[in-house]
Amino acid sequence: MGDLNSVVSIVRILEKPIQTIINNNAVTKCRAQFPQIRKTTIVDLVIWGNLGRDIENFYQINDHILIEGFVSLRDKKIDHLDSIVQKSKKVEITVIRAYPFF
């Protein structure tokens, strides 16, 4: 059996969720932060379909939510002024369930 990169965690929403339409499917994206004391970890959340619309309508910046989803690493290119392109990885979580956390 293959490895599953599943995650269940509490995150704080850092920016307003934005919904876009890709190939007749609604996708909502926003950045979130894990609540850690020592080191700040910021991830990108990707939410598909009706769940994305619900998150866009009902949650705001600085709200905490409990999420279940799958972790993936995406390439991120950083352009500098001196024309050197650096590649780094960014963490992306595809959310399949979300719950309010008070």
Protein backbone atom coordinates (compact mmCIF):
# COMPACT_ATOMS: atom_id res chain seq x y z
CA MET A 1 0.00 0.00 0.00
CA GLY A 2 1.30 3.48 -0.85
CA ASP A 3 2.00 6.26 1.58
CA LEU A 4 -0.81 8.69 2.27
CA ASN A 5 0.18 12.19 3.23
CA SER A 6 -2.92 12.98 5.25
CA VAL A 7 -3.12 15.72 7.85
CA VAL A 8 -5.55 16.77 10.56
CA SER A 9 -4.69 20.10 12.12
CA ILE A 10 -5.90 23.43 13.39
CA VAL A 11 -4.91 26.39 11.21
CA ARG A 12 -5.44 30.16 11.34
CA ILE A 13 -6.60 31.83 8.11
CA LEU A 14 -4.15 34.58 7.08
CA GLU A 15 -5.88 36.02 4.02
CA LYS A 16 -9.36 36.21 2.57
CA PRO A 17 -10.25 33.00 0.71
CA ILE A 18 -10.56 33.64 -3.04
CA GLN A 19 -12.70 31.42 -5.25
CA THR A 20 -11.93 30.87 -8.95
CA ILE A 21 -13.41 28.62 -11.62
CA ILE A 22 -11.11 26.11 -13.34
CA ASN A 23 -12.61 23.85 -16.03
CA ASN A 24 -16.16 24.28 -14.65
CA ASN A 25 -14.97 23.41 -11.12
CA ALA A 26 -14.85 25.92 -8.28
CA VAL A 27 -11.57 26.06 -6.36
CA THR A 28 -10.90 28.26 -3.34
CA LYS A 29 -7.37 29.17 -2.25
CA CYS A 30 -5.98 30.96 0.78
CA ARG A 31 -2.93 30.97 3.02
CA ALA A 32 -3.04 29.63 6.57
CA GLN A 33 -0.69 29.26 9.51
CA PHE A 34 -0.16 26.39 11.91
CA PRO A 35 -0.42 27.61 15.53
CA GLN A 36 3.10 26.90 16.73
CA ILE A 37 5.06 28.68 19.40
CA ARG A 38 8.62 28.41 18.09
CA LYS A 39 8.53 28.55 14.31
CA THR A 40 5.87 29.95 12.05
CA THR A 41 4.75 27.60 9.29
CA ILE A 42 2.60 29.03 6.51
CA VAL A 43 0.81 26.74 4.05
CA ASP A 44 -1.47 27.20 1.05
CA LEU A 45 -4.96 25.73 1.38
CA VAL A 46 -6.80 24.47 -1.70
CA ILE A 47 -10.50 23.70 -1.27
CA TRP A 48 -12.67 22.36 -4.09
CA GLY A 49 -16.41 22.68 -4.73
CA ASN A 50 -19.10 23.60 -2.22
CA LEU A 51 -16.76 23.36 0.76
CA GLY A 52 -14.65 26.12 -0.78
CA ARG A 53 -17.70 28.30 -1.24
CA ASP A 54 -18.70 27.72 2.41
CA ILE A 55 -15.22 28.65 3.64
CA GLU A 56 -15.24 31.79 1.50
CA ASN A 57 -18.66 32.85 2.83
CA PHE A 58 -18.41 31.93 6.52
CA TYR A 59 -14.77 32.36 7.56
CA GLN A 60 -12.67 35.49 7.81
CA ILE A 61 -9.06 36.45 8.44
CA ASN A 62 -7.74 35.23 11.82
CA ASP A 63 -10.44 32.55 12.19
CA HIS A 64 -9.23 29.16 13.39
CA ILE A 65 -10.51 26.04 11.65
CA LEU A 66 -9.89 22.33 12.04
CA ILE A 67 -9.00 20.82 8.66
CA GLU A 68 -8.59 17.32 7.26
CA GLY A 69 -6.78 16.90 3.98
CA PHE A 70 -3.76 15.80 2.01
CA VAL A 71 -0.32 17.41 1.95
CA SER A 72 1.68 17.99 -1.22
CA LEU A 73 4.83 19.90 -2.13
CA ARG A 74 4.78 22.30 -5.08
CA ASP A 75 7.66 24.02 -6.82
CA LYS A 76 7.89 27.73 -6.21
CA LYS A 77 10.11 29.93 -8.36
CA ILE A 78 11.60 33.06 -6.84
CA ASP A 79 12.86 35.70 -9.28
CA HIS A 80 15.54 38.05 -8.00
CA LEU A 81 16.71 41.31 -9.47
CA ASP A 82 19.98 39.79 -10.63
CA SER A 83 18.16 37.33 -12.96
CA ILE A 84 18.92 34.28 -10.82
CA VAL A 85 15.93 32.00 -10.45
CA GLN A 86 15.81 29.95 -7.27
CA LYS A 87 13.53 26.98 -6.87
CA SER A 88 12.05 26.13 -3.53
CA LYS A 89 9.17 24.04 -2.28
CA LYS A 90 5.93 25.28 -0.80
CA VAL A 91 3.52 23.19 1.22
CA GLU A 92 0.00 22.88 -0.13
CA ILE A 93 -2.89 21.18 1.66
CA THR A 94 -5.94 20.01 -0.28
CA VAL A 95 -8.74 20.29 2.26
CA ILE A 96 -11.50 17.66 2.19
CA ARG A 97 -13.23 18.59 5.49
CA ALA A 98 -13.24 21.74 7.61
CA TYR A 99 -14.81 22.46 10.99
CA PRO A 100 -15.05 25.69 13.01
CA PHE A 101 -12.74 25.87 16.01
CA PHE A 102 -13.59 28.27 18.82
